[in-house]
Amino acid sequence: MNKIMLIGRVAVPPSSRAGYCKIRLAVTTYFSRYGIKRETTEWFNVTGFRKTADIMAGMCDVGTVVYCEGRMTSNKYTDSKNVSRTSWSVICEKIQVTSGGKDYTQHLDDVPEEAEAHARNNL
């Protein structure tokens, strides 16, 4: 199975309707190359359904750090120039707010320790 775990910041306000929510997650990696500190940011479209969507819509805001578990999915399409493309997104099965957001403290007990520690180090 193609499980994925992400820790990142919500980059744009959640887009939601009943039983559905979509967020854009920025995941930054820090590293050193030739003695120079660098960082790179990857962007993920994350979609939640039902209860997960309710949590995403109700608790996430721009800048909120979240831990997300889910599966990768792809969508093949043809763009306006008739070029075949593939877009990737994450179907979120579990999401936990680790900092920021709306009244996040009640949910911290469910966040894996390594996810919480990583989020704290990357604030």
PDB file of N, CA and C in Angstrom:
ATOM      1  N   MET A   1       0.841  -1.177   0.000  1.00  0.00           N
ATOM      2  CA  MET A   1       0.000   0.000   0.000  1.00  0.00           C
ATOM      3  C   MET A   1       0.889   1.244   0.000  1.00  0.00           C
ATOM      4  N   ASN A   2       0.420   2.322  -0.537  1.00  0.00           N
ATOM      5  CA  ASN A   2       1.208   3.534  -0.695  1.00  0.00           C
ATOM      6  C   ASN A   2       0.878   4.570   0.391  1.00  0.00           C
ATOM      7  N   LYS A   3       1.184   4.262   1.651  1.00  0.00           N
ATOM      8  CA  LYS A   3       0.926   5.174   2.765  1.00  0.00           C
ATOM      9  C   LYS A   3       1.966   6.284   2.770  1.00  0.00           C
ATOM     10  N   ILE A   4       1.536   7.457   3.225  1.00  0.00           N
ATOM     11  CA  ILE A   4       2.427   8.589   3.336  1.00  0.00           C
ATOM     12  C   ILE A   4       2.110   9.327   4.632  1.00  0.00           C
ATOM     13  N   MET A   5       3.143   9.836   5.282  1.00  0.00           N
ATOM     14  CA  MET A   5       2.987  10.652   6.483  1.00  0.00           C
ATOM     15  C   MET A   5       3.668  11.983   6.224  1.00  0.00           C
ATOM     16  N   LEU A   6       2.976  13.066   6.519  1.00  0.00           N
ATOM     17  CA  LEU A   6       3.501  14.402   6.277  1.00  0.00           C
ATOM     18  C   LEU A   6       3.344  15.269   7.515  1.00  0.00           C
ATOM     19  N   ILE A   7       4.298  16.150   7.729  1.00  0.00           N
ATOM     20  CA  ILE A   7       4.161  17.209   8.726  1.00  0.00           C
ATOM     21  C   ILE A   7       4.483  18.494   7.995  1.00  0.00           C
ATOM     22  N   GLY A   8       3.544  19.420   8.017  1.00  0.00           N
ATOM     23  CA  GLY A   8       3.765  20.676   7.304  1.00  0.00           C
ATOM     24  C   GLY A   8       2.783  21.739   7.740  1.00  0.00           C
ATOM     25  N   ARG A   9       2.904  22.892   7.101  1.00  0.00           N
ATOM     26  CA  ARG A   9       2.033  24.028   7.400  1.00  0.00           C
ATOM     27  C   ARG A   9       0.965  24.182   6.328  1.00  0.00           C
ATOM     28  N   VAL A  10      -0.241  24.513   6.784  1.00  0.00           N
ATOM     29  CA  VAL A  10      -1.332  24.790   5.856  1.00  0.00           C
ATOM     30  C   VAL A  10      -0.996  26.107   5.157  1.00  0.00           C
ATOM     31  N   ALA A  11      -0.999  26.093   3.821  1.00  0.00           N
ATOM     32  CA  ALA A  11      -0.538  27.251   3.051  1.00  0.00           C
ATOM     33  C   ALA A  11      -1.654  28.174   2.585  1.00  0.00           C
ATOM     34  N   VAL A  12      -2.846  27.645   2.400  1.00  0.00           N
ATOM     35  CA  VAL A  12      -3.986  28.458   1.957  1.00  0.00           C
ATOM     36  C   VAL A  12      -5.204  28.064   2.791  1.00  0.00           C
ATOM     37  N   PRO A  13      -6.205  28.932   2.906  1.00  0.00           N
ATOM     38  CA  PRO A  13      -7.394  28.574   3.686  1.00  0.00           C
ATOM     39  C   PRO A  13      -8.041  27.300   3.137  1.00  0.00           C
ATOM     40  N   PRO A  14      -8.554  26.442   4.033  1.00  0.00           N
ATOM     41  CA  PRO A  14      -9.212  25.204   3.578  1.00  0.00           C
ATOM     42  C   PRO A  14     -10.395  25.505   2.665  1.00  0.00           C
ATOM     43  N   SER A  15     -10.563  24.655   1.670  1.00  0.00           N
ATOM     44  CA  SER A  15     -11.709  24.725   0.764  1.00  0.00           C
ATOM     45  C   SER A  15     -12.611  23.553   1.138  1.00  0.00           C
ATOM     46  N   SER A  16     -13.826  23.850   1.606  1.00  0.00           N
ATOM     47  CA  SER A  16     -14.638  22.743   2.103  1.00  0.00           C
ATOM     48  C   SER A  16     -16.115  22.892   1.760  1.00  0.00           C
ATOM     49  N   ARG A  17     -16.783  21.770   1.833  1.00  0.00           N
ATOM     50  CA  ARG A  17     -18.245  21.671   1.768  1.00  0.00           C
ATOM     51  C   ARG A  17     -18.603  20.440   2.591  1.00  0.00           C
ATOM     52  N   ALA A  18     -19.844  20.107   2.727  1.00  0.00           N
ATOM     53  CA  ALA A  18     -20.270  18.994   3.579  1.00  0.00           C
ATOM     54  C   ALA A  18     -19.545  17.698   3.223  1.00  0.00           C
ATOM     55  N   GLY A  19     -18.800  17.158   4.179  1.00  0.00           N
ATOM     56  CA  GLY A  19     -18.131  15.877   3.985  1.00  0.00           C
ATOM     57  C   GLY A  19     -16.895  15.908   3.123  1.00  0.00           C
ATOM     58  N   TYR A  20     -16.367  17.080   2.808  1.00  0.00           N
ATOM     59  CA  TYR A  20     -15.211  17.202   1.916  1.00  0.00           C
ATOM     60  C   TYR A  20     -14.391  18.434   2.320  1.00  0.00           C
ATOM     61  N   CYS A  21     -13.071  18.290   2.342  1.00  0.00           N
ATOM     62  CA  CYS A  21     -12.207  19.443   2.601  1.00  0.00           C
ATOM     63  C   CYS A  21     -10.870  19.227   1.894  1.00  0.00           C
ATOM     64  N   LYS A  22     -10.332  20.306   1.339  1.00  0.00           N
ATOM     65  CA  LYS A  22      -9.060  20.261   0.638  1.00  0.00           C
ATOM     66  C   LYS A  22      -8.169  21.364   1.195  1.00  0.00           C
ATOM     67  N   ILE A  23      -6.900  21.000   1.477  1.00  0.00           N
ATOM     68  CA  ILE A  23      -5.917  21.989   1.912  1.00  0.00           C
ATOM     69  C   ILE A  23      -4.658  21.834   1.068  1.00  0.00           C
ATOM     70  N   ARG A  24      -3.832  22.851   1.086  1.00  0.00           N
ATOM     71  CA  ARG A  24      -2.522  22.825   0.415  1.00  0.00           C
ATOM     72  C   ARG A  24      -1.503  22.844   1.537  1.00  0.00           C
ATOM     73  N   LEU A  25      -0.647  21.831   1.585  1.00  0.00           N
ATOM     74  CA  LEU A  25       0.307  21.664   2.671  1.00  0.00           C
ATOM     75  C   LEU A  25       1.725  21.910   2.173  1.00  0.00           C
ATOM     76  N   ALA A  26       2.467  22.758   2.895  1.00  0.00           N
ATOM     77  CA  ALA A  26       3.869  23.041   2.584  1.00  0.00           C
ATOM     78  C   ALA A  26       4.739  22.256   3.556  1.00  0.00           C
ATOM     79  N   VAL A  27       5.574  21.364   3.018  1.00  0.00           N
ATOM     80  CA  VAL A  27       6.460  20.538   3.831  1.00  0.00           C
ATOM     81  C   VAL A  27       7.901  20.958   3.518  1.00  0.00           C
ATOM     82  N   THR A  28       8.587  21.495   4.526  1.00  0.00           N
ATOM     83  CA  THR A  28       9.942  22.016   4.337  1.00  0.00           C
ATOM     84  C   THR A  28      10.961  21.054   4.926  1.00  0.00           C
ATOM     85  N   THR A  29      12.015  20.794   4.170  1.00  0.00           N
ATOM     86  CA  THR A  29      13.123  19.957   4.604  1.00  0.00           C
ATOM     87  C   THR A  29      14.363  20.835   4.702  1.00  0.00           C
ATOM     88  N   TYR A  30      15.086  20.687   5.804  1.00  0.00           N
ATOM     89  CA  TYR A  30      16.316  21.456   6.022  1.00  0.00           C
ATOM     90  C   TYR A  30      17.500  20.520   5.884  1.00  0.00           C
ATOM     91  N   PHE A  31      18.563  20.995   5.230  1.00  0.00           N
ATOM     92  CA  PHE A  31      19.758  20.172   5.058  1.00  0.00           C
ATOM     93  C   PHE A  31      20.961  21.082   4.868  1.00  0.00           C
ATOM     94  N   SER A  32      22.148  20.470   4.905  1.00  0.00           N
ATOM     95  CA  SER A  32      23.386  21.221   4.711  1.00  0.00           C
ATOM     96  C   SER A  32      24.156  20.601   3.563  1.00  0.00           C
ATOM     97  N   ARG A  33      24.620  21.425   2.666  1.00  0.00           N
ATOM     98  CA  ARG A  33      25.400  20.953   1.527  1.00  0.00           C
ATOM     99  C   ARG A  33      26.623  21.841   1.388  1.00  0.00           C
ATOM    100  N   TYR A  34      27.791  21.235   1.412  1.00  0.00           N
ATOM    101  CA  TYR A  34      29.053  21.955   1.327  1.00  0.00           C
ATOM    102  C   TYR A  34      29.160  23.031   2.399  1.00  0.00           C
ATOM    103  N   GLY A  35      28.629  22.708   3.592  1.00  0.00           N
ATOM    104  CA  GLY A  35      28.705  23.629   4.713  1.00  0.00           C
ATOM    105  C   GLY A  35      27.705  24.775   4.669  1.00  0.00           C
ATOM    106  N   ILE A  36      26.845  24.791   3.653  1.00  0.00           N
ATOM    107  CA  ILE A  36      25.845  25.858   3.528  1.00  0.00           C
ATOM    108  C   ILE A  36      24.484  25.281   3.892  1.00  0.00           C
ATOM    109  N   LYS A  37      23.809  25.926   4.842  1.00  0.00           N
ATOM    110  CA  LYS A  37      22.475  25.468   5.234  1.00  0.00           C
ATOM    111  C   LYS A  37      21.483  25.825   4.145  1.00  0.00           C
ATOM    112  N   ARG A  38      20.669  24.841   3.802  1.00  0.00           N
ATOM    113  CA  ARG A  38      19.669  25.028   2.747  1.00  0.00           C
ATOM    114  C   ARG A  38      18.334  24.465   3.198  1.00  0.00           C
ATOM    115  N   GLU A  39      17.307  24.813   2.461  1.00  0.00           N
ATOM    116  CA  GLU A  39      15.993  24.241   2.699  1.00  0.00           C
ATOM    117  C   GLU A  39      15.270  24.102   1.374  1.00  0.00           C
ATOM    118  N   THR A  40      14.374  23.144   1.344  1.00  0.00           N
ATOM    119  CA  THR A  40      13.546  22.945   0.167  1.00  0.00           C
ATOM    120  C   THR A  40      12.113  22.691   0.637  1.00  0.00           C
ATOM    121  N   THR A  41      11.159  23.195  -0.107  1.00  0.00           N
ATOM    122  CA  THR A  41       9.755  23.035   0.264  1.00  0.00           C
ATOM    123  C   THR A  41       9.017  22.305  -0.851  1.00  0.00           C
ATOM    124  N   GLU A  42       8.291  21.278  -0.445  1.00  0.00           N
ATOM    125  CA  GLU A  42       7.429  20.528  -1.352  1.00  0.00           C
ATOM    126  C   GLU A  42       5.981  20.876  -1.019  1.00  0.00           C
ATOM    127  N   TRP A  43       5.144  20.923  -2.030  1.00  0.00           N
ATOM    128  CA  TRP A  43       3.735  21.305  -1.855  1.00  0.00           C
ATOM    129  C   TRP A  43       2.847  20.115  -2.143  1.00  0.00           C
ATOM    130  N   PHE A  44       1.873  19.868  -1.262  1.00  0.00           N
ATOM    131  CA  PHE A  44       0.975  18.731  -1.403  1.00  0.00           C
ATOM    132  C   PHE A  44      -0.472  19.192  -1.348  1.00  0.00           C
ATOM    133  N   ASN A  45      -1.287  18.679  -2.265  1.00  0.00           N
ATOM    134  CA  ASN A  45      -2.738  18.842  -2.174  1.00  0.00           C
ATOM    135  C   ASN A  45      -3.234  17.710  -1.297  1.00  0.00           C
ATOM    136  N   VAL A  46      -3.952  18.048  -0.230  1.00  0.00           N
ATOM    137  CA  VAL A  46      -4.444  17.056   0.720  1.00  0.00           C
ATOM    138  C   VAL A  46      -5.964  17.158   0.774  1.00  0.00           C
ATOM    139  N   THR A  47      -6.642  16.025   0.573  1.00  0.00           N
ATOM    140  CA  THR A  47      -8.099  15.988   0.576  1.00  0.00           C
ATOM    141  C   THR A  47      -8.588  15.053   1.665  1.00  0.00           C
ATOM    142  N   GLY A  48      -9.583  15.510   2.419  1.00  0.00           N
ATOM    143  CA  GLY A  48     -10.193  14.683   3.454  1.00  0.00           C
ATOM    144  C   GLY A  48     -11.679  14.524   3.198  1.00  0.00           C
ATOM    145  N   PHE A  49     -12.229  13.417   3.668  1.00  0.00           N
ATOM    146  CA  PHE A  49     -13.654  13.139   3.520  1.00  0.00           C
ATOM    147  C   PHE A  49     -14.256  12.831   4.887  1.00  0.00           C
ATOM    148  N   ARG A  50     -15.547  13.065   5.012  1.00  0.00           N
ATOM    149  CA  ARG A  50     -16.337  12.781   6.210  1.00  0.00           C
ATOM    150  C   ARG A  50     -15.713  13.382   7.466  1.00  0.00           C
ATOM    151  N   LYS A  51     -15.444  12.580   8.498  1.00  0.00           N
ATOM    152  CA  LYS A  51     -14.961  13.093   9.778  1.00  0.00           C
ATOM    153  C   LYS A  51     -13.617  13.811   9.632  1.00  0.00           C
ATOM    154  N   THR A  52     -12.733  13.262   8.831  1.00  0.00           N
ATOM    155  CA  THR A  52     -11.438  13.902   8.607  1.00  0.00           C
ATOM    156  C   THR A  52     -11.640  15.277   7.992  1.00  0.00           C
ATOM    157  N   ALA A  53     -12.570  15.393   7.060  1.00  0.00           N
ATOM    158  CA  ALA A  53     -12.861  16.685   6.430  1.00  0.00           C
ATOM    159  C   ALA A  53     -13.387  17.676   7.457  1.00  0.00           C
ATOM    160  N   ASP A  54     -14.220  17.211   8.373  1.00  0.00           N
ATOM    161  CA  ASP A  54     -14.755  18.087   9.410  1.00  0.00           C
ATOM    162  C   ASP A  54     -13.633  18.632  10.296  1.00  0.00           C
ATOM    163  N   ILE A  55     -12.671  17.779  10.652  1.00  0.00           N
ATOM    164  CA  ILE A  55     -11.530  18.225  11.456  1.00  0.00           C
ATOM    165  C   ILE A  55     -10.705  19.235  10.670  1.00  0.00           C
ATOM    166  N   MET A  56     -10.428  18.923   9.401  1.00  0.00           N
ATOM    167  CA  MET A  56      -9.623  19.823   8.565  1.00  0.00           C
ATOM    168  C   MET A  56     -10.292  21.193   8.447  1.00  0.00           C
ATOM    169  N   ALA A  57     -11.580  21.205   8.173  1.00  0.00           N
ATOM    170  CA  ALA A  57     -12.298  22.466   7.966  1.00  0.00           C
ATOM    171  C   ALA A  57     -12.442  23.247   9.263  1.00  0.00           C
ATOM    172  N   GLY A  58     -12.642  22.547  10.367  1.00  0.00           N
ATOM    173  CA  GLY A  58     -12.896  23.215  11.627  1.00  0.00           C
ATOM    174  C   GLY A  58     -11.669  23.647  12.393  1.00  0.00           C
ATOM    175  N   MET A  59     -10.530  22.993  12.167  1.00  0.00           N
ATOM    176  CA  MET A  59      -9.358  23.258  12.988  1.00  0.00           C
ATOM    177  C   MET A  59      -8.189  23.880  12.228  1.00  0.00           C
ATOM    178  N   CYS A  60      -8.124  23.698  10.923  1.00  0.00           N
ATOM    179  CA  CYS A  60      -6.973  24.186  10.154  1.00  0.00           C
ATOM    180  C   CYS A  60      -7.181  25.615   9.697  1.00  0.00           C
ATOM    181  N   ASP A  61      -6.114  26.367   9.744  1.00  0.00           N
ATOM    182  CA  ASP A  61      -6.090  27.734   9.261  1.00  0.00           C
ATOM    183  C   ASP A  61      -4.721  27.938   8.625  1.00  0.00           C
ATOM    184  N   VAL A  62      -4.531  28.988   7.891  1.00  0.00           N
ATOM    185  CA  VAL A  62      -3.235  29.257   7.276  1.00  0.00           C
ATOM    186  C   VAL A  62      -2.178  29.341   8.375  1.00  0.00           C
ATOM    187  N   GLY A  63      -1.077  28.620   8.201  1.00  0.00           N
ATOM    188  CA  GLY A  63       0.001  28.611   9.184  1.00  0.00           C
ATOM    189  C   GLY A  63      -0.083  27.491  10.189  1.00  0.00           C
ATOM    190  N   THR A  64      -1.203  26.796  10.268  1.00  0.00           N
ATOM    191  CA  THR A  64      -1.364  25.684  11.198  1.00  0.00           C
ATOM    192  C   THR A  64      -0.416  24.554  10.809  1.00  0.00           C
ATOM    193  N   VAL A  65       0.300  23.999  11.794  1.00  0.00           N
ATOM    194  CA  VAL A  65       1.159  22.840  11.547  1.00  0.00           C
ATOM    195  C   VAL A  65       0.332  21.590  11.808  1.00  0.00           C
ATOM    196  N   VAL A  66       0.315  20.679  10.832  1.00  0.00           N
ATOM    197  CA  VAL A  66      -0.473  19.463  10.961  1.00  0.00           C
ATOM    198  C   VAL A  66       0.357  18.226  10.656  1.00  0.00           C
ATOM    199  N   TYR A  67      -0.054  17.123  11.271  1.00  0.00           N
ATOM    200  CA  TYR A  67       0.471  15.792  10.973  1.00  0.00           C
ATOM    201  C   TYR A  67      -0.628  15.091  10.193  1.00  0.00           C
ATOM    202  N   CYS A  68      -0.294  14.569   9.023  1.00  0.00           N
ATOM    203  CA  CYS A  68      -1.285  13.964   8.139  1.00  0.00           C
ATOM    204  C   CYS A  68      -0.818  12.576   7.713  1.00  0.00           C
ATOM    205  N   GLU A  69      -1.710  11.592   7.821  1.00  0.00           N
ATOM    206  CA  GLU A  69      -1.459  10.253   7.299  1.00  0.00           C
ATOM    207  C   GLU A  69      -2.469   9.993   6.199  1.00  0.00           C
ATOM    208  N   GLY A  70      -2.012   9.361   5.136  1.00  0.00           N
ATOM    209  CA  GLY A  70      -2.942   9.053   4.061  1.00  0.00           C
ATOM    210  C   GLY A  70      -2.306   8.213   2.979  1.00  0.00           C
ATOM    211  N   ARG A  71      -2.899   8.284   1.819  1.00  0.00           N
ATOM    212  CA  ARG A  71      -2.385   7.523   0.678  1.00  0.00           C
ATOM    213  C   ARG A  71      -2.291   8.448  -0.532  1.00  0.00           C
ATOM    214  N   MET A  72      -1.293   8.176  -1.335  1.00  0.00           N
ATOM    215  CA  MET A  72      -1.095   8.955  -2.553  1.00  0.00           C
ATOM    216  C   MET A  72      -2.067   8.471  -3.617  1.00  0.00           C
ATOM    217  N   THR A  73      -2.528   9.405  -4.400  1.00  0.00           N
ATOM    218  CA  THR A  73      -3.393   9.064  -5.530  1.00  0.00           C
ATOM    219  C   THR A  73      -3.003   9.939  -6.712  1.00  0.00           C
ATOM    220  N   SER A  74      -3.206   9.436  -7.900  1.00  0.00           N
ATOM    221  CA  SER A  74      -2.843  10.195  -9.097  1.00  0.00           C
ATOM    222  C   SER A  74      -4.065  10.418  -9.976  1.00  0.00           C
ATOM    223  N   ASN A  75      -3.986  11.458 -10.765  1.00  0.00           N
ATOM    224  CA  ASN A  75      -5.053  11.787 -11.704  1.00  0.00           C
ATOM    225  C   ASN A  75      -4.390  12.145 -13.036  1.00  0.00           C
ATOM    226  N   LYS A  76      -4.680  11.371 -14.062  1.00  0.00           N
ATOM    227  CA  LYS A  76      -4.118  11.647 -15.395  1.00  0.00           C
ATOM    228  C   LYS A  76      -5.093  12.516 -16.169  1.00  0.00           C
ATOM    229  N   TYR A  77      -4.535  13.514 -16.865  1.00  0.00           N
ATOM    230  CA  TYR A  77      -5.373  14.413 -17.654  1.00  0.00           C
ATOM    231  C   TYR A  77      -4.558  14.962 -18.816  1.00  0.00           C
ATOM    232  N   THR A  78      -5.226  15.597 -19.738  1.00  0.00           N
ATOM    233  CA  THR A  78      -4.581  16.246 -20.874  1.00  0.00           C
ATOM    234  C   THR A  78      -4.776  17.743 -20.725  1.00  0.00           C
ATOM    235  N   ASP A  79      -3.670  18.492 -20.756  1.00  0.00           N
ATOM    236  CA  ASP A  79      -3.766  19.943 -20.567  1.00  0.00           C
ATOM    237  C   ASP A  79      -4.232  20.642 -21.840  1.00  0.00           C
ATOM    238  N   SER A  80      -4.310  21.962 -21.776  1.00  0.00           N
ATOM    239  CA  SER A  80      -4.825  22.752 -22.895  1.00  0.00           C
ATOM    240  C   SER A  80      -3.941  22.678 -24.146  1.00  0.00           C
ATOM    241  N   LYS A  81      -2.668  22.256 -23.979  1.00  0.00           N
ATOM    242  CA  LYS A  81      -1.757  22.112 -25.124  1.00  0.00           C
ATOM    243  C   LYS A  81      -1.697  20.666 -25.613  1.00  0.00           C
ATOM    244  N   ASN A  82      -2.669  19.865 -25.157  1.00  0.00           N
ATOM    245  CA  ASN A  82      -2.784  18.464 -25.552  1.00  0.00           C
ATOM    246  C   ASN A  82      -1.606  17.610 -25.076  1.00  0.00           C
ATOM    247  N   VAL A  83      -1.041  17.959 -23.930  1.00  0.00           N
ATOM    248  CA  VAL A  83       0.052  17.199 -23.325  1.00  0.00           C
ATOM    249  C   VAL A  83      -0.521  16.371 -22.176  1.00  0.00           C
ATOM    250  N   SER A  84      -0.185  15.077 -22.156  1.00  0.00           N
ATOM    251  CA  SER A  84      -0.639  14.208 -21.065  1.00  0.00           C
ATOM    252  C   SER A  84       0.123  14.548 -19.790  1.00  0.00           C
ATOM    253  N   ARG A  85      -0.597  14.729 -18.699  1.00  0.00           N
ATOM    254  CA  ARG A  85       0.013  15.083 -17.416  1.00  0.00           C
ATOM    255  C   ARG A  85      -0.577  14.209 -16.323  1.00  0.00           C
ATOM    256  N   THR A  86       0.130  14.162 -15.189  1.00  0.00           N
ATOM    257  CA  THR A  86      -0.342  13.450 -14.003  1.00  0.00           C
ATOM    258  C   THR A  86      -0.205  14.385 -12.817  1.00  0.00           C
ATOM    259  N   SER A  87      -1.275  14.522 -12.056  1.00  0.00           N
ATOM    260  CA  SER A  87      -1.203  15.289 -10.814  1.00  0.00           C
ATOM    261  C   SER A  87      -1.325  14.301  -9.654  1.00  0.00           C
ATOM    262  N   TRP A  88      -0.614  14.596  -8.569  1.00  0.00           N
ATOM    263  CA  TRP A  88      -0.603  13.733  -7.402  1.00  0.00           C
ATOM    264  C   TRP A  88      -1.237  14.461  -6.225  1.00  0.00           C
ATOM    265  N   SER A  89      -1.962  13.732  -5.413  1.00  0.00           N
ATOM    266  CA  SER A  89      -2.526  14.321  -4.200  1.00  0.00           C
ATOM    267  C   SER A  89      -2.574  13.254  -3.112  1.00  0.00           C
ATOM    268  N   VAL A  90      -2.848  13.704  -1.885  1.00  0.00           N
ATOM    269  CA  VAL A  90      -2.917  12.812  -0.734  1.00  0.00           C
ATOM    270  C   VAL A  90      -4.362  12.743  -0.274  1.00  0.00           C
ATOM    271  N   ILE A  91      -4.893  11.532  -0.138  1.00  0.00           N
ATOM    272  CA  ILE A  91      -6.201  11.325   0.467  1.00  0.00           C
ATOM    273  C   ILE A  91      -5.924  11.118   1.958  1.00  0.00           C
ATOM    274  N   CYS A  92      -6.314  12.088   2.756  1.00  0.00           N
ATOM    275  CA  CYS A  92      -6.002  12.098   4.178  1.00  0.00           C
ATOM    276  C   CYS A  92      -6.936  11.166   4.941  1.00  0.00           C
ATOM    277  N   GLU A  93      -6.350  10.236   5.689  1.00  0.00           N
ATOM    278  CA  GLU A  93      -7.120   9.307   6.499  1.00  0.00           C
ATOM    279  C   GLU A  93      -7.074   9.684   7.976  1.00  0.00           C
ATOM    280  N   LYS A  94      -6.040  10.425   8.372  1.00  0.00           N
ATOM    281  CA  LYS A  94      -5.907  10.879   9.756  1.00  0.00           C
ATOM    282  C   LYS A  94      -5.155  12.204   9.746  1.00  0.00           C
ATOM    283  N   ILE A  95      -5.662  13.169  10.497  1.00  0.00           N
ATOM    284  CA  ILE A  95      -4.982  14.457  10.589  1.00  0.00           C
ATOM    285  C   ILE A  95      -5.019  14.927  12.033  1.00  0.00           C
ATOM    286  N   GLN A  96      -3.900  15.466  12.481  1.00  0.00           N
ATOM    287  CA  GLN A  96      -3.805  16.013  13.828  1.00  0.00           C
ATOM    288  C   GLN A  96      -3.153  17.378  13.749  1.00  0.00           C
ATOM    289  N   VAL A  97      -3.739  18.342  14.413  1.00  0.00           N
ATOM    290  CA  VAL A  97      -3.176  19.688  14.478  1.00  0.00           C
ATOM    291  C   VAL A  97      -2.126  19.680  15.579  1.00  0.00           C
ATOM    292  N   THR A  98      -0.889  20.104  15.268  1.00  0.00           N
ATOM    293  CA  THR A  98       0.177  20.091  16.270  1.00  0.00           C
ATOM    294  C   THR A  98       0.485  21.474  16.820  1.00  0.00           C
ATOM    295  N   SER A  99       0.217  22.533  16.060  1.00  0.00           N
ATOM    296  CA  SER A  99       0.373  23.892  16.596  1.00  0.00           C
ATOM    297  C   SER A  99      -0.410  24.861  15.735  1.00  0.00           C
ATOM    298  N   GLY A 100      -0.804  25.954  16.359  1.00  0.00           N
ATOM    299  CA  GLY A 100      -1.616  26.932  15.650  1.00  0.00           C
ATOM    300  C   GLY A 100      -3.030  26.410  15.505  1.00  0.00           C
ATOM    301  N   GLY A 101      -3.722  26.910  14.549  1.00  0.00           N
ATOM    302  CA  GLY A 101      -5.077  26.430  14.316  1.00  0.00           C
ATOM    303  C   GLY A 101      -6.058  26.933  15.350  1.00  0.00           C
ATOM    304  N   LYS A 102      -7.213  26.329  15.352  1.00  0.00           N
ATOM    305  CA  LYS A 102      -8.312  26.755  16.207  1.00  0.00           C
ATOM    306  C   LYS A 102      -8.483  25.762  17.348  1.00  0.00           C
ATOM    307  N   ASP A 103      -8.105  26.151  18.574  1.00  0.00           N
ATOM    308  CA  ASP A 103      -8.256  25.328  19.770  1.00  0.00           C
ATOM    309  C   ASP A 103      -7.670  23.936  19.567  1.00  0.00           C
ATOM    310  N   TYR A 104      -6.394  23.878  19.242  1.00  0.00           N
ATOM    311  CA  TYR A 104      -5.759  22.617  18.911  1.00  0.00           C
ATOM    312  C   TYR A 104      -5.355  21.782  20.118  1.00  0.00           C
ATOM    313  N   THR A 105      -5.247  22.343  21.306  1.00  0.00           N
ATOM    314  CA  THR A 105      -4.664  21.644  22.449  1.00  0.00           C
ATOM    315  C   THR A 105      -5.396  20.371  22.826  1.00  0.00           C
ATOM    316  N   GLN A 106      -6.683  20.287  22.608  1.00  0.00           N
ATOM    317  CA  GLN A 106      -7.421  19.097  22.993  1.00  0.00           C
ATOM    318  C   GLN A 106      -7.055  17.882  22.147  1.00  0.00           C
ATOM    319  N   HIS A 107      -6.374  18.071  21.022  1.00  0.00           N
ATOM    320  CA  HIS A 107      -6.059  16.965  20.123  1.00  0.00           C
ATOM    321  C   HIS A 107      -4.605  16.512  20.184  1.00  0.00           C
ATOM    322  N   LEU A 108      -3.772  17.158  21.002  1.00  0.00           N
ATOM    323  CA  LEU A 108      -2.355  16.818  21.017  1.00  0.00           C
ATOM    324  C   LEU A 108      -2.066  15.426  21.556  1.00  0.00           C
ATOM    325  N   ASP A 109      -2.941  14.852  22.371  1.00  0.00           N
ATOM    326  CA  ASP A 109      -2.701  13.527  22.921  1.00  0.00           C
ATOM    327  C   ASP A 109      -2.642  12.455  21.842  1.00  0.00           C
ATOM    328  N   ASP A 110      -3.251  12.687  20.701  1.00  0.00           N
ATOM    329  CA  ASP A 110      -3.295  11.699  19.629  1.00  0.00           C
ATOM    330  C   ASP A 110      -2.151  11.813  18.636  1.00  0.00           C
ATOM    331  N   VAL A 111      -1.288  12.820  18.800  1.00  0.00           N
ATOM    332  CA  VAL A 111      -0.200  13.035  17.854  1.00  0.00           C
ATOM    333  C   VAL A 111       0.987  12.162  18.251  1.00  0.00           C
ATOM    334  N   PRO A 112       1.542  11.377  17.321  1.00  0.00           N
ATOM    335  CA  PRO A 112       2.722  10.589  17.640  1.00  0.00           C
ATOM    336  C   PRO A 112       3.850  11.500  18.138  1.00  0.00           C
ATOM    337  N   GLU A 113       4.613  11.018  19.131  1.00  0.00           N
ATOM    338  CA  GLU A 113       5.656  11.845  19.735  1.00  0.00           C
ATOM    339  C   GLU A 113       6.655  12.364  18.713  1.00  0.00           C
ATOM    340  N   GLU A 114       7.062  11.509  17.762  1.00  0.00           N
ATOM    341  CA  GLU A 114       8.059  11.952  16.783  1.00  0.00           C
ATOM    342  C   GLU A 114       7.502  13.049  15.876  1.00  0.00           C
ATOM    343  N   ALA A 115       6.210  13.006  15.584  1.00  0.00           N
ATOM    344  CA  ALA A 115       5.595  14.031  14.756  1.00  0.00           C
ATOM    345  C   ALA A 115       5.540  15.350  15.515  1.00  0.00           C
ATOM    346  N   GLU A 116       5.175  15.277  16.783  1.00  0.00           N
ATOM    347  CA  GLU A 116       5.102  16.496  17.591  1.00  0.00           C
ATOM    348  C   GLU A 116       6.484  17.115  17.760  1.00  0.00           C
ATOM    349  N   ALA A 117       7.502  16.279  18.037  1.00  0.00           N
ATOM    350  CA  ALA A 117       8.872  16.789  18.197  1.00  0.00           C
ATOM    351  C   ALA A 117       9.362  17.431  16.908  1.00  0.00           C
ATOM    352  N   HIS A 118       9.091  16.788  15.775  1.00  0.00           N
ATOM    353  CA  HIS A 118       9.518  17.345  14.483  1.00  0.00           C
ATOM    354  C   HIS A 118       8.835  18.695  14.230  1.00  0.00           C
ATOM    355  N   ALA A 119       7.555  18.776  14.522  1.00  0.00           N
ATOM    356  CA  ALA A 119       6.823  20.023  14.306  1.00  0.00           C
ATOM    357  C   ALA A 119       7.380  21.126  15.181  1.00  0.00           C
ATOM    358  N   ARG A 120       7.678  20.825  16.440  1.00  0.00           N
ATOM    359  CA  ARG A 120       8.247  21.842  17.338  1.00  0.00           C
ATOM    360  C   ARG A 120       9.591  22.351  16.845  1.00  0.00           C
ATOM    361  N   ASN A 121      10.420  21.439  16.298  1.00  0.00           N
ATOM    362  CA  ASN A 121      11.749  21.826  15.808  1.00  0.00           C
ATOM    363  C   ASN A 121      11.691  22.655  14.534  1.00  0.00           C
ATOM    364  N   ASN A 122      10.572  22.610  13.835  1.00  0.00           N
ATOM    365  CA  ASN A 122      10.463  23.305  12.554  1.00  0.00           C
ATOM    366  C   ASN A 122       9.545  24.509  12.598  1.00  0.00           C
ATOM    367  N   LEU A 123       9.255  25.016  13.788  1.00  0.00           N
ATOM    368  CA  LEU A 123       8.402  26.201  13.889  1.00  0.00           C
ATOM    369  C   LEU A 123       9.172  27.442  13.545  1.00  0.00           C
TER     370      LEU A 123
END
